PDB file of N, CA and C in Angstrom:
ATOM      1  N   UNK A   1      -7.027  -9.179  -9.683  1.00  0.00           N
ATOM      2  CA  UNK A   1      -6.810  -8.443  -8.447  1.00  0.00           C
ATOM      3  C   UNK A   1      -7.379  -7.040  -8.602  1.00  0.00           C
ATOM      4  N   UNK A   2      -7.950  -6.539  -7.553  1.00  0.00           N
ATOM      5  CA  UNK A   2      -8.578  -5.214  -7.585  1.00  0.00           C
ATOM      6  C   UNK A   2      -7.564  -4.128  -7.219  1.00  0.00           C
ATOM      7  N   UNK A   3      -7.886  -2.917  -7.626  1.00  0.00           N
ATOM      8  CA  UNK A   3      -6.980  -1.790  -7.414  1.00  0.00           C
ATOM      9  C   UNK A   3      -6.683  -1.579  -5.925  1.00  0.00           C
ATOM     10  N   UNK A   4      -7.682  -1.692  -5.080  1.00  0.00           N
ATOM     11  CA  UNK A   4      -7.469  -1.524  -3.646  1.00  0.00           C
ATOM     12  C   UNK A   4      -6.442  -2.504  -3.101  1.00  0.00           C
ATOM     13  N   UNK A   5      -6.506  -3.746  -3.586  1.00  0.00           N
ATOM     14  CA  UNK A   5      -5.527  -4.750  -3.169  1.00  0.00           C
ATOM     15  C   UNK A   5      -4.119  -4.333  -3.590  1.00  0.00           C
ATOM     16  N   UNK A   6      -4.013  -3.765  -4.795  1.00  0.00           N
ATOM     17  CA  UNK A   6      -2.710  -3.299  -5.277  1.00  0.00           C
ATOM     18  C   UNK A   6      -2.193  -2.138  -4.439  1.00  0.00           C
ATOM     19  N   UNK A   7      -3.092  -1.226  -4.058  1.00  0.00           N
ATOM     20  CA  UNK A   7      -2.691  -0.101  -3.211  1.00  0.00           C
ATOM     21  C   UNK A   7      -2.149  -0.603  -1.874  1.00  0.00           C
ATOM     22  N   UNK A   8      -2.829  -1.581  -1.314  1.00  0.00           N
ATOM     23  CA  UNK A   8      -2.402  -2.129  -0.021  1.00  0.00           C
ATOM     24  C   UNK A   8      -1.045  -2.815  -0.142  1.00  0.00           C
ATOM     25  N   UNK A   9      -0.861  -3.629  -1.182  1.00  0.00           N
ATOM     26  CA  UNK A   9       0.424  -4.309  -1.380  1.00  0.00           C
ATOM     27  C   UNK A   9       1.547  -3.299  -1.574  1.00  0.00           C
ATOM     28  N   UNK A  10       1.281  -2.262  -2.356  1.00  0.00           N
ATOM     29  CA  UNK A  10       2.283  -1.227  -2.583  1.00  0.00           C
ATOM     30  C   UNK A  10       2.630  -0.530  -1.269  1.00  0.00           C
ATOM     31  N   UNK A  11       1.600  -0.117  -0.532  1.00  0.00           N
ATOM     32  CA  UNK A  11       1.819   0.585   0.736  1.00  0.00           C
ATOM     33  C   UNK A  11       2.650  -0.270   1.685  1.00  0.00           C
ATOM     34  N   UNK A  12       2.270  -1.534   1.830  1.00  0.00           N
ATOM     35  CA  UNK A  12       2.983  -2.410   2.750  1.00  0.00           C
ATOM     36  C   UNK A  12       4.419  -2.680   2.305  1.00  0.00           C
ATOM     37  N   UNK A  13       4.623  -2.803   0.990  1.00  0.00           N
ATOM     38  CA  UNK A  13       5.981  -3.067   0.488  1.00  0.00           C
ATOM     39  C   UNK A  13       6.913  -1.883   0.740  1.00  0.00           C
ATOM     40  N   UNK A  14       6.346  -0.680   0.823  1.00  0.00           N
ATOM     41  CA  UNK A  14       7.145   0.523   1.051  1.00  0.00           C
ATOM     42  C   UNK A  14       7.201   0.906   2.535  1.00  0.00           C
ATOM     43  N   UNK A  15       6.471   0.164   3.377  1.00  0.00           N
ATOM     44  CA  UNK A  15       6.488   0.438   4.814  1.00  0.00           C
ATOM     45  C   UNK A  15       5.705   1.670   5.227  1.00  0.00           C
ATOM     46  N   UNK A  16       4.722   2.053   4.428  1.00  0.00           N
ATOM     47  CA  UNK A  16       3.902   3.227   4.726  1.00  0.00           C
ATOM     48  C   UNK A  16       2.678   2.824   5.537  1.00  0.00           C
ATOM     49  N   UNK A  17       2.181   3.766   6.339  1.00  0.00           N
ATOM     50  CA  UNK A  17       0.916   3.572   7.042  1.00  0.00           C
ATOM     51  C   UNK A  17      -0.211   4.099   6.159  1.00  0.00           C
ATOM     52  N   UNK A  18      -1.437   3.736   6.511  1.00  0.00           N
ATOM     53  CA  UNK A  18      -2.577   4.272   5.771  1.00  0.00           C
ATOM     54  C   UNK A  18      -2.635   5.791   5.918  1.00  0.00           C
ATOM     55  N   UNK A  19      -2.254   6.309   7.067  1.00  0.00           N
ATOM     56  CA  UNK A  19      -2.264   7.756   7.274  1.00  0.00           C
ATOM     57  C   UNK A  19      -1.282   8.445   6.337  1.00  0.00           C
ATOM     58  N   UNK A  20      -0.103   7.868   6.165  1.00  0.00           N
ATOM     59  CA  UNK A  20       0.889   8.459   5.258  1.00  0.00           C
ATOM     60  C   UNK A  20       0.370   8.463   3.823  1.00  0.00           C
ATOM     61  N   UNK A  21      -0.298   7.380   3.431  1.00  0.00           N
ATOM     62  CA  UNK A  21      -0.869   7.317   2.080  1.00  0.00           C
ATOM     63  C   UNK A  21      -1.984   8.354   1.937  1.00  0.00           C
ATOM     64  N   UNK A  22      -2.816   8.469   2.961  1.00  0.00           N
ATOM     65  CA  UNK A  22      -3.898   9.453   2.932  1.00  0.00           C
ATOM     66  C   UNK A  22      -3.336  10.868   2.806  1.00  0.00           C
ATOM     67  N   UNK A  23      -2.224  11.122   3.484  1.00  0.00           N
ATOM     68  CA  UNK A  23      -1.590  12.444   3.395  1.00  0.00           C
ATOM     69  C   UNK A  23      -1.096  12.735   1.969  1.00  0.00           C
ATOM     70  N   UNK A  24      -0.601  11.720   1.286  1.00  0.00           N
ATOM     71  CA  UNK A  24      -0.107  11.894  -0.088  1.00  0.00           C
ATOM     72  C   UNK A  24      -1.229  12.366  -0.998  1.00  0.00           C
ATOM     73  N   UNK A  25      -2.436  11.818  -0.800  1.00  0.00           N
ATOM     74  CA  UNK A  25      -3.549  12.161  -1.701  1.00  0.00           C
ATOM     75  C   UNK A  25      -4.521  13.159  -1.068  1.00  0.00           C
ATOM     76  N   UNK A  26      -4.119  13.716   0.067  1.00  0.00           N
ATOM     77  CA  UNK A  26      -4.887  14.771   0.737  1.00  0.00           C
ATOM     78  C   UNK A  26      -6.323  14.326   1.044  1.00  0.00           C
ATOM     79  N   UNK A  27      -6.423  13.204   1.738  1.00  0.00           N
ATOM     80  CA  UNK A  27      -7.727  12.711   2.158  1.00  0.00           C
ATOM     81  C   UNK A  27      -7.622  12.196   3.588  1.00  0.00           C
ATOM     82  N   UNK A  28      -8.742  11.827   4.150  1.00  0.00           N
ATOM     83  CA  UNK A  28      -8.779  11.294   5.508  1.00  0.00           C
ATOM     84  C   UNK A  28      -8.358   9.825   5.481  1.00  0.00           C
ATOM     85  N   UNK A  29      -7.757   9.366   6.559  1.00  0.00           N
ATOM     86  CA  UNK A  29      -7.304   7.987   6.627  1.00  0.00           C
ATOM     87  C   UNK A  29      -8.436   7.000   6.388  1.00  0.00           C
ATOM     88  N   UNK A  30      -9.616   7.289   6.906  1.00  0.00           N
ATOM     89  CA  UNK A  30     -10.736   6.355   6.731  1.00  0.00           C
ATOM     90  C   UNK A  30     -11.144   6.262   5.261  1.00  0.00           C
ATOM     91  N   UNK A  31     -11.040   7.379   4.539  1.00  0.00           N
ATOM     92  CA  UNK A  31     -11.335   7.365   3.108  1.00  0.00           C
ATOM     93  C   UNK A  31     -10.327   6.519   2.354  1.00  0.00           C
ATOM     94  N   UNK A  32      -9.061   6.666   2.727  1.00  0.00           N
ATOM     95  CA  UNK A  32      -8.030   5.853   2.084  1.00  0.00           C
ATOM     96  C   UNK A  32      -8.235   4.375   2.402  1.00  0.00           C
ATOM     97  N   UNK A  33      -8.599   4.088   3.642  1.00  0.00           N
ATOM     98  CA  UNK A  33      -8.858   2.706   4.045  1.00  0.00           C
ATOM     99  C   UNK A  33      -9.954   2.085   3.179  1.00  0.00           C
ATOM    100  N   UNK A  34     -10.989   2.858   2.899  1.00  0.00           N
ATOM    101  CA  UNK A  34     -12.076   2.362   2.042  1.00  0.00           C
ATOM    102  C   UNK A  34     -11.568   2.077   0.626  1.00  0.00           C
ATOM    103  N   UNK A  35     -10.623   2.886   0.164  1.00  0.00           N
ATOM    104  CA  UNK A  35     -10.049   2.642  -1.165  1.00  0.00           C
ATOM    105  C   UNK A  35      -9.300   1.314  -1.179  1.00  0.00           C
ATOM    106  N   UNK A  36      -8.504   1.084  -0.141  1.00  0.00           N
ATOM    107  CA  UNK A  36      -7.750  -0.169  -0.056  1.00  0.00           C
ATOM    108  C   UNK A  36      -8.673  -1.380   0.044  1.00  0.00           C
ATOM    109  N   UNK A  37      -9.823  -1.190   0.669  1.00  0.00           N
ATOM    110  CA  UNK A  37     -10.773  -2.289   0.848  1.00  0.00           C
ATOM    111  C   UNK A  37     -11.791  -2.376  -0.285  1.00  0.00           C
ATOM    112  N   UNK A  38     -11.528  -1.648  -1.356  1.00  0.00           N
ATOM    113  CA  UNK A  38     -12.380  -1.664  -2.547  1.00  0.00           C
ATOM    114  C   UNK A  38     -13.820  -1.253  -2.250  1.00  0.00           C
ATOM    115  N   UNK A  39     -13.988  -0.372  -1.271  1.00  0.00           N
ATOM    116  CA  UNK A  39     -15.308   0.134  -0.925  1.00  0.00           C
ATOM    117  C   UNK A  39     -15.527   1.534  -1.491  1.00  0.00           C
ATOM    118  N   UNK A  40     -14.448   2.140  -1.986  1.00  0.00           N
ATOM    119  CA  UNK A  40     -14.520   3.495  -2.532  1.00  0.00           C
ATOM    120  C   UNK A  40     -13.525   3.590  -3.679  1.00  0.00           C
ATOM    121  N   UNK A  41     -13.938   4.219  -4.775  1.00  0.00           N
ATOM    122  CA  UNK A  41     -13.038   4.412  -5.913  1.00  0.00           C
ATOM    123  C   UNK A  41     -12.010   5.481  -5.589  1.00  0.00           C
ATOM    124  N   UNK A  42     -10.850   5.336  -6.198  1.00  0.00           N
ATOM    125  CA  UNK A  42      -9.796   6.335  -6.051  1.00  0.00           C
ATOM    126  C   UNK A  42      -9.809   7.211  -7.304  1.00  0.00           C
ATOM    127  N   UNK A  43      -9.639   8.496  -7.115  1.00  0.00           N
ATOM    128  CA  UNK A  43      -9.648   9.402  -8.270  1.00  0.00           C
ATOM    129  C   UNK A  43      -8.357   9.231  -9.070  1.00  0.00           C
ATOM    130  N   UNK A  44      -8.423   9.608 -10.320  1.00  0.00           N
ATOM    131  CA  UNK A  44      -7.241   9.545 -11.173  1.00  0.00           C
ATOM    132  C   UNK A  44      -6.149  10.454 -10.611  1.00  0.00           C
ATOM    133  N   UNK A  45      -6.525  11.636 -10.132  1.00  0.00           N
ATOM    134  CA  UNK A  45      -5.543  12.562  -9.557  1.00  0.00           C
ATOM    135  C   UNK A  45      -4.836  11.940  -8.355  1.00  0.00           C
ATOM    136  N   UNK A  46      -5.600  11.244  -7.515  1.00  0.00           N
ATOM    137  CA  UNK A  46      -4.999  10.600  -6.343  1.00  0.00           C
ATOM    138  C   UNK A  46      -4.061   9.479  -6.773  1.00  0.00           C
ATOM    139  N   UNK A  47      -4.474   8.733  -7.771  1.00  0.00           N
ATOM    140  CA  UNK A  47      -3.638   7.645  -8.275  1.00  0.00           C
ATOM    141  C   UNK A  47      -2.337   8.193  -8.862  1.00  0.00           C
ATOM    142  N   UNK A  48      -2.429   9.303  -9.572  1.00  0.00           N
ATOM    143  CA  UNK A  48      -1.236   9.946 -10.144  1.00  0.00           C
ATOM    144  C   UNK A  48      -0.324  10.434  -9.014  1.00  0.00           C
ATOM    145  N   UNK A  49      -0.889  10.999  -7.961  1.00  0.00           N
ATOM    146  CA  UNK A  49      -0.082  11.482  -6.831  1.00  0.00           C
ATOM    147  C   UNK A  49       0.670  10.339  -6.168  1.00  0.00           C
ATOM    148  N   UNK A  50       0.009   9.203  -5.995  1.00  0.00           N
ATOM    149  CA  UNK A  50       0.674   8.037  -5.398  1.00  0.00           C
ATOM    150  C   UNK A  50       1.782   7.544  -6.319  1.00  0.00           C
ATOM    151  N   UNK A  51       1.485   7.468  -7.607  1.00  0.00           N
ATOM    152  CA  UNK A  51       2.495   7.009  -8.570  1.00  0.00           C
ATOM    153  C   UNK A  51       3.726   7.912  -8.526  1.00  0.00           C
ATOM    154  N   UNK A  52       3.511   9.222  -8.524  1.00  0.00           N
ATOM    155  CA  UNK A  52       4.640  10.164  -8.481  1.00  0.00           C
ATOM    156  C   UNK A  52       5.438  10.002  -7.193  1.00  0.00           C
ATOM    157  N   UNK A  53       4.734   9.828  -6.076  1.00  0.00           N
ATOM    158  CA  UNK A  53       5.405   9.695  -4.787  1.00  0.00           C
ATOM    159  C   UNK A  53       6.365   8.494  -4.772  1.00  0.00           C
ATOM    160  N   UNK A  54       5.972   7.403  -5.425  1.00  0.00           N
ATOM    161  CA  UNK A  54       6.782   6.196  -5.413  1.00  0.00           C
ATOM    162  C   UNK A  54       7.632   6.016  -6.671  1.00  0.00           C
ATOM    163  N   UNK A  55       7.612   7.020  -7.558  1.00  0.00           N
ATOM    164  CA  UNK A  55       8.406   6.915  -8.773  1.00  0.00           C
ATOM    165  C   UNK A  55       7.900   5.826  -9.710  1.00  0.00           C
ATOM    166  N   UNK A  56       6.577   5.647  -9.744  1.00  0.00           N
ATOM    167  CA  UNK A  56       5.952   4.631 -10.584  1.00  0.00           C
ATOM    168  C   UNK A  56       5.039   5.302 -11.607  1.00  0.00           C
ATOM    169  N   UNK A  57       4.526   4.510 -12.518  1.00  0.00           N
ATOM    170  CA  UNK A  57       3.486   4.988 -13.418  1.00  0.00           C
ATOM    171  C   UNK A  57       2.147   4.501 -12.886  1.00  0.00           C
ATOM    172  N   UNK A  58       1.083   5.076 -13.397  1.00  0.00           N
ATOM    173  CA  UNK A  58      -0.257   4.634 -13.009  1.00  0.00           C
ATOM    174  C   UNK A  58      -0.435   3.163 -13.394  1.00  0.00           C
ATOM    175  N   UNK A  59       0.078   2.777 -14.559  1.00  0.00           N
ATOM    176  CA  UNK A  59       0.007   1.378 -14.982  1.00  0.00           C
ATOM    177  C   UNK A  59       0.714   0.466 -13.988  1.00  0.00           C
ATOM    178  N   UNK A  60       1.858   0.915 -13.463  1.00  0.00           N
ATOM    179  CA  UNK A  60       2.583   0.105 -12.480  1.00  0.00           C
ATOM    180  C   UNK A  60       1.708  -0.197 -11.270  1.00  0.00           C
ATOM    181  N   UNK A  61       0.899   0.772 -10.867  1.00  0.00           N
ATOM    182  CA  UNK A  61       0.023   0.559  -9.709  1.00  0.00           C
ATOM    183  C   UNK A  61      -1.162  -0.317 -10.097  1.00  0.00           C
ATOM    184  N   UNK A  62      -1.765  -0.033 -11.244  1.00  0.00           N
ATOM    185  CA  UNK A  62      -2.928  -0.817 -11.666  1.00  0.00           C
ATOM    186  C   UNK A  62      -2.559  -2.287 -11.826  1.00  0.00           C
ATOM    187  N   UNK A  63      -1.390  -2.557 -12.369  1.00  0.00           N
ATOM    188  CA  UNK A  63      -0.964  -3.942 -12.600  1.00  0.00           C
ATOM    189  C   UNK A  63       0.073  -4.390 -11.574  1.00  0.00           C
ATOM    190  N   UNK A  64       0.095  -3.784 -10.405  1.00  0.00           N
ATOM    191  CA  UNK A  64       1.109  -4.065  -9.382  1.00  0.00           C
ATOM    192  C   UNK A  64       1.143  -5.562  -9.068  1.00  0.00           C
ATOM    193  N   UNK A  65       2.315  -6.148  -9.223  1.00  0.00           N
ATOM    194  CA  UNK A  65       2.474  -7.570  -8.944  1.00  0.00           C
ATOM    195  C   UNK A  65       2.078  -8.462 -10.105  1.00  0.00           C
ATOM    196  N   UNK A  66       1.548  -7.899 -11.184  1.00  0.00           N
ATOM    197  CA  UNK A  66       1.131  -8.673 -12.355  1.00  0.00           C
ATOM    198  C   UNK A  66       1.771  -8.057 -13.586  1.00  0.00           C
ATOM    199  N   UNK A  67       3.081  -8.085 -13.641  1.00  0.00           N
ATOM    200  CA  UNK A  67       3.829  -7.424 -14.712  1.00  0.00           C
ATOM    201  C   UNK A  67       3.551  -8.046 -16.083  1.00  0.00           C
ATOM    202  N   UNK A  68       2.985  -9.248 -16.132  1.00  0.00           N
ATOM    203  CA  UNK A  68       2.677  -9.874 -17.421  1.00  0.00           C
ATOM    204  C   UNK A  68       1.549  -9.150 -18.142  1.00  0.00           C
ATOM    205  N   UNK A  69       0.749  -8.384 -17.418  1.00  0.00           N
ATOM    206  CA  UNK A  69      -0.375  -7.679 -18.025  1.00  0.00           C
ATOM    207  C   UNK A  69       0.037  -6.382 -18.705  1.00  0.00           C
ATOM    208  N   UNK A  70       1.187  -5.849 -18.344  1.00  0.00           N
ATOM    209  CA  UNK A  70       1.639  -4.582 -18.909  1.00  0.00           C
ATOM    210  C   UNK A  70       2.409  -4.868 -20.198  1.00  0.00           C
ATOM    211  N   UNK A  71       2.000  -4.263 -21.308  1.00  0.00           N
ATOM    212  CA  UNK A  71       2.717  -4.503 -22.571  1.00  0.00           C
ATOM    213  C   UNK A  71       4.173  -4.088 -22.466  1.00  0.00           C
ATOM    214  N   UNK A  72       5.071  -4.941 -22.951  1.00  0.00           N
ATOM    215  CA  UNK A  72       6.493  -4.651 -22.871  1.00  0.00           C
ATOM    216  C   UNK A  72       7.019  -4.021 -24.154  1.00  0.00           C
ATOM    217  N   UNK A  73       6.353  -4.289 -25.261  1.00  0.00           N
ATOM    218  CA  UNK A  73       6.834  -3.786 -26.545  1.00  0.00           C
ATOM    219  C   UNK A  73       5.651  -3.290 -27.362  1.00  0.00           C
ATOM    220  N   UNK A  74       5.861  -2.209 -28.046  1.00  0.00           N
ATOM    221  CA  UNK A  74       4.822  -1.650 -28.899  1.00  0.00           C
ATOM    222  C   UNK A  74       5.348  -1.670 -30.322  1.00  0.00           C
ATOM    223  N   UNK A  75       4.558  -2.232 -31.233  1.00  0.00           N
ATOM    224  CA  UNK A  75       4.970  -2.218 -32.638  1.00  0.00           C
ATOM    225  C   UNK A  75       4.077  -1.246 -33.392  1.00  0.00           C
ATOM    226  N   UNK A  76       4.655  -0.568 -34.353  1.00  0.00           N
ATOM    227  CA  UNK A  76       3.928   0.456 -35.090  1.00  0.00           C
ATOM    228  C   UNK A  76       3.806   0.018 -36.537  1.00  0.00           C
ATOM    229  N   UNK A  77       2.617  -0.448 -36.913  1.00  0.00           N
ATOM    230  CA  UNK A  77       2.401  -0.883 -38.290  1.00  0.00           C
ATOM    231  C   UNK A  77       1.551   0.104 -39.074  1.00  0.00           C
ATOM    232  N   UNK A  78       0.893   1.020 -38.399  1.00  0.00           N
ATOM    233  CA  UNK A  78       0.028   1.988 -39.033  1.00  0.00           C
ATOM    234  C   UNK A  78       0.875   3.140 -39.578  1.00  0.00           C
ATOM    235  N   UNK A  79       0.929   3.270 -40.899  1.00  0.00           N
ATOM    236  CA  UNK A  79       1.768   4.295 -41.521  1.00  0.00           C
ATOM    237  C   UNK A  79       1.364   5.707 -41.113  1.00  0.00           C
ATOM    238  N   UNK A  80       0.058   5.953 -41.045  1.00  0.00           N
ATOM    239  CA  UNK A  80      -0.406   7.295 -40.688  1.00  0.00           C
ATOM    240  C   UNK A  80       0.061   7.665 -39.280  1.00  0.00           C
ATOM    241  N   UNK A  81      -0.037   6.738 -38.352  1.00  0.00           N
ATOM    242  CA  UNK A  81       0.401   6.995 -36.981  1.00  0.00           C
ATOM    243  C   UNK A  81       1.914   7.231 -36.950  1.00  0.00           C
ATOM    244  N   UNK A  82       2.648   6.457 -37.729  1.00  0.00           N
ATOM    245  CA  UNK A  82       4.101   6.626 -37.783  1.00  0.00           C
ATOM    246  C   UNK A  82       4.467   8.005 -38.337  1.00  0.00           C
ATOM    247  N   UNK A  83       3.754   8.443 -39.381  1.00  0.00           N
ATOM    248  CA  UNK A  83       3.999   9.769 -39.946  1.00  0.00           C
ATOM    249  C   UNK A  83       3.699  10.860 -38.920  1.00  0.00           C
ATOM    250  N   UNK A  84       2.616  10.683 -38.157  1.00  0.00           N
ATOM    251  CA  UNK A  84       2.276  11.669 -37.135  1.00  0.00           C
ATOM    252  C   UNK A  84       3.350  11.721 -36.059  1.00  0.00           C
ATOM    253  N   UNK A  85       3.882  10.578 -35.682  1.00  0.00           N
ATOM    254  CA  UNK A  85       4.959  10.557 -34.691  1.00  0.00           C
ATOM    255  C   UNK A  85       6.201  11.275 -35.223  1.00  0.00           C
ATOM    256  N   UNK A  86       6.477  11.100 -36.493  1.00  0.00           N
ATOM    257  CA  UNK A  86       7.627  11.792 -37.083  1.00  0.00           C
ATOM    258  C   UNK A  86       7.409  13.314 -37.062  1.00  0.00           C
ATOM    259  N   UNK A  87       6.179  13.747 -37.336  1.00  0.00           N
ATOM    260  CA  UNK A  87       5.873  15.180 -37.273  1.00  0.00           C
ATOM    261  C   UNK A  87       6.006  15.710 -35.847  1.00  0.00           C
ATOM    262  N   UNK A  88       5.538  14.930 -34.895  1.00  0.00           N
ATOM    263  CA  UNK A  88       5.680  15.323 -33.481  1.00  0.00           C
ATOM    264  C   UNK A  88       7.148  15.465 -33.128  1.00  0.00           C
ATOM    265  N   UNK A  89       7.954  14.559 -33.626  1.00  0.00           N
ATOM    266  CA  UNK A  89       9.383  14.576 -33.332  1.00  0.00           C
ATOM    267  C   UNK A  89      10.067  15.827 -33.880  1.00  0.00           C
ATOM    268  N   UNK A  90       9.473  16.461 -34.864  1.00  0.00           N
ATOM    269  CA  UNK A  90      10.045  17.678 -35.445  1.00  0.00           C
ATOM    270  C   UNK A  90       9.670  18.945 -34.670  1.00  0.00           C
ATOM    271  N   UNK A  91       8.764  18.826 -33.724  1.00  0.00           N
ATOM    272  CA  UNK A  91       8.353  19.989 -32.930  1.00  0.00           C
ATOM    273  C   UNK A  91       9.473  20.441 -32.003  1.00  0.00           C
ATOM    274  N   UNK A  92       9.345  21.663 -31.513  1.00  0.00           N
ATOM    275  CA  UNK A  92      10.266  22.168 -30.489  1.00  0.00           C
ATOM    276  C   UNK A  92      10.135  21.263 -29.260  1.00  0.00           C
ATOM    277  N   UNK A  93      11.200  21.149 -28.477  1.00  0.00           N
ATOM    278  CA  UNK A  93      11.194  20.257 -27.317  1.00  0.00           C
ATOM    279  C   UNK A  93      10.046  20.552 -26.350  1.00  0.00           C
ATOM    280  N   UNK A  94       9.799  21.832 -26.077  1.00  0.00           N
ATOM    281  CA  UNK A  94       8.742  22.194 -25.134  1.00  0.00           C
ATOM    282  C   UNK A  94       7.369  21.765 -25.666  1.00  0.00           C
ATOM    283  N   UNK A  95       7.117  22.027 -26.962  1.00  0.00           N
ATOM    284  CA  UNK A  95       5.834  21.636 -27.570  1.00  0.00           C
ATOM    285  C   UNK A  95       5.694  20.118 -27.594  1.00  0.00           C
ATOM    286  N   UNK A  96       6.775  19.425 -27.890  1.00  0.00           N
ATOM    287  CA  UNK A  96       6.762  17.964 -27.926  1.00  0.00           C
ATOM    288  C   UNK A  96       6.447  17.393 -26.535  1.00  0.00           C
ATOM    289  N   UNK A  97       7.076  17.939 -25.517  1.00  0.00           N
ATOM    290  CA  UNK A  97       6.847  17.456 -24.150  1.00  0.00           C
ATOM    291  C   UNK A  97       5.401  17.678 -23.714  1.00  0.00           C
ATOM    292  N   UNK A  98       4.842  18.824 -24.054  1.00  0.00           N
ATOM    293  CA  UNK A  98       3.446  19.111 -23.712  1.00  0.00           C
ATOM    294  C   UNK A  98       2.525  18.111 -24.392  1.00  0.00           C
ATOM    295  N   UNK A  99       2.739  17.881 -25.664  1.00  0.00           N
ATOM    296  CA  UNK A  99       1.900  16.949 -26.422  1.00  0.00           C
ATOM    297  C   UNK A  99       2.027  15.527 -25.883  1.00  0.00           C
ATOM    298  N   UNK A 100       3.243  15.093 -25.591  1.00  0.00           N
ATOM    299  CA  UNK A 100       3.442  13.741 -25.068  1.00  0.00           C
ATOM    300  C   UNK A 100       2.819  13.574 -23.681  1.00  0.00           C
ATOM    301  N   UNK A 101       2.859  14.617 -22.863  1.00  0.00           N
ATOM    302  CA  UNK A 101       2.212  14.548 -21.543  1.00  0.00           C
ATOM    303  C   UNK A 101       0.698  14.453 -21.692  1.00  0.00           C
ATOM    304  N   UNK A 102       0.139  15.193 -22.648  1.00  0.00           N
ATOM    305  CA  UNK A 102      -1.303  15.103 -22.911  1.00  0.00           C
ATOM    306  C   UNK A 102      -1.690  13.691 -23.345  1.00  0.00           C
ATOM    307  N   UNK A 103      -0.934  13.130 -24.253  1.00  0.00           N
ATOM    308  CA  UNK A 103      -1.220  11.775 -24.721  1.00  0.00           C
ATOM    309  C   UNK A 103      -1.135  10.787 -23.567  1.00  0.00           C
ATOM    310  N   UNK A 104      -0.085  10.884 -22.763  1.00  0.00           N
ATOM    311  CA  UNK A 104       0.084   9.980 -21.625  1.00  0.00           C
ATOM    312  C   UNK A 104      -1.081  10.102 -20.643  1.00  0.00           C
ATOM    313  N   UNK A 105      -1.552  11.326 -20.421  1.00  0.00           N
ATOM    314  CA  UNK A 105      -2.678  11.547 -19.513  1.00  0.00           C
ATOM    315  C   UNK A 105      -3.936  10.879 -20.042  1.00  0.00           C
ATOM    316  N   UNK A 106      -4.235  11.075 -21.329  1.00  0.00           N
ATOM    317  CA  UNK A 106      -5.438  10.471 -21.915  1.00  0.00           C
ATOM    318  C   UNK A 106      -5.360   8.947 -21.903  1.00  0.00           C
ATOM    319  N   UNK A 107      -4.203   8.400 -22.226  1.00  0.00           N
ATOM    320  CA  UNK A 107      -4.047   6.943 -22.237  1.00  0.00           C
ATOM    321  C   UNK A 107      -4.201   6.385 -20.822  1.00  0.00           C
ATOM    322  N   UNK A 108      -3.596   7.035 -19.841  1.00  0.00           N
ATOM    323  CA  UNK A 108      -3.711   6.572 -18.452  1.00  0.00           C
ATOM    324  C   UNK A 108      -5.150   6.626 -17.967  1.00  0.00           C
ATOM    325  N   UNK A 109      -5.856   7.705 -18.301  1.00  0.00           N
ATOM    326  CA  UNK A 109      -7.256   7.825 -17.897  1.00  0.00           C
ATOM    327  C   UNK A 109      -8.102   6.738 -18.537  1.00  0.00           C
ATOM    328  N   UNK A 110      -7.860   6.431 -19.815  1.00  0.00           N
ATOM    329  CA  UNK A 110      -8.616   5.385 -20.498  1.00  0.00           C
ATOM    330  C   UNK A 110      -8.342   4.032 -19.860  1.00  0.00           C
ATOM    331  N   UNK A 111      -7.082   3.744 -19.593  1.00  0.00           N
ATOM    332  CA  UNK A 111      -6.743   2.458 -18.960  1.00  0.00           C
ATOM    333  C   UNK A 111      -7.376   2.353 -17.578  1.00  0.00           C
ATOM    334  N   UNK A 112      -7.368   3.451 -16.851  1.00  0.00           N
ATOM    335  CA  UNK A 112      -7.969   3.448 -15.522  1.00  0.00           C
ATOM    336  C   UNK A 112      -9.464   3.200 -15.614  1.00  0.00           C
ATOM    337  N   UNK A 113     -10.141   3.878 -16.547  1.00  0.00           N
ATOM    338  CA  UNK A 113     -11.581   3.672 -16.731  1.00  0.00           C
ATOM    339  C   UNK A 113     -11.876   2.235 -17.134  1.00  0.00           C
ATOM    340  N   UNK A 114     -11.083   1.681 -18.063  1.00  0.00           N
ATOM    341  CA  UNK A 114     -11.264   0.297 -18.492  1.00  0.00           C
ATOM    342  C   UNK A 114     -11.086  -0.662 -17.316  1.00  0.00           C
ATOM    343  N   UNK A 115     -10.083  -0.389 -16.492  1.00  0.00           N
ATOM    344  CA  UNK A 115      -9.827  -1.225 -15.319  1.00  0.00           C
ATOM    345  C   UNK A 115     -11.008  -1.172 -14.357  1.00  0.00           C
ATOM    346  N   UNK A 116     -11.508   0.030 -14.104  1.00  0.00           N
ATOM    347  CA  UNK A 116     -12.649   0.172 -13.203  1.00  0.00           C
ATOM    348  C   UNK A 116     -13.876  -0.537 -13.752  1.00  0.00           C
ATOM    349  N   UNK A 117     -14.158  -0.362 -15.041  1.00  0.00           N
ATOM    350  CA  UNK A 117     -15.319  -1.010 -15.638  1.00  0.00           C
ATOM    351  C   UNK A 117     -15.204  -2.531 -15.556  1.00  0.00           C
ATOM    352  N   UNK A 118     -14.029  -3.050 -15.798  1.00  0.00           N
ATOM    353  CA  UNK A 118     -13.807  -4.493 -15.738  1.00  0.00           C
ATOM    354  C   UNK A 118     -14.064  -5.011 -14.321  1.00  0.00           C
ATOM    355  N   UNK A 119     -13.554  -4.297 -13.327  1.00  0.00           N
ATOM    356  CA  UNK A 119     -13.687  -4.756 -11.947  1.00  0.00           C
ATOM    357  C   UNK A 119     -15.066  -4.493 -11.368  1.00  0.00           C
ATOM    358  N   UNK A 120     -15.725  -3.442 -11.844  1.00  0.00           N
ATOM    359  CA  UNK A 120     -17.098  -3.191 -11.392  1.00  0.00           C
ATOM    360  C   UNK A 120     -18.010  -4.253 -11.981  1.00  0.00           C
ATOM    361  N   UNK A 121     -17.764  -4.644 -13.222  1.00  0.00           N
ATOM    362  CA  UNK A 121     -18.575  -5.679 -13.860  1.00  0.00           C
ATOM    363  C   UNK A 121     -18.387  -7.021 -13.153  1.00  0.00           C
ATOM    364  N   UNK A 122     -17.233  -7.234 -12.542  1.00  0.00           N
ATOM    365  CA  UNK A 122     -16.957  -8.485 -11.836  1.00  0.00           C
ATOM    366  C   UNK A 122     -17.713  -8.566 -10.515  1.00  0.00           C
ATOM    367  N   UNK A 123     -18.199  -7.425 -10.023  1.00  0.00           N
ATOM    368  CA  UNK A 123     -18.946  -7.436  -8.763  1.00  0.00           C
ATOM    369  C   UNK A 123     -20.254  -8.045  -9.007  1.00  0.00           C
TER     370      UNK A 123
END
């Protein structure tokens, strides 16, 4: 399923109009319509704004309706990564939150790019 299809399903499930969705991401309704119809890519910032508006993650929108695709459990077998996580955990709360937000942003952007590349290649 393409991202535009997921946006449409999400919008309809919440009872929103295309205009309301366009207002959330500060664009024109026709531009949003093109996103839903997979004729125009949606920016990462716009996707984040929609996710925040609905209390979802970007992954929730990308995999909307296909929860089997979203990993449910993460196992950590790499000792170096585990040690780094322990060091992060020792940071002050504010520094830890900043670092974790940066990591989440980079991971979300990578997943979004991978999703776009996969779906563009399918065209």
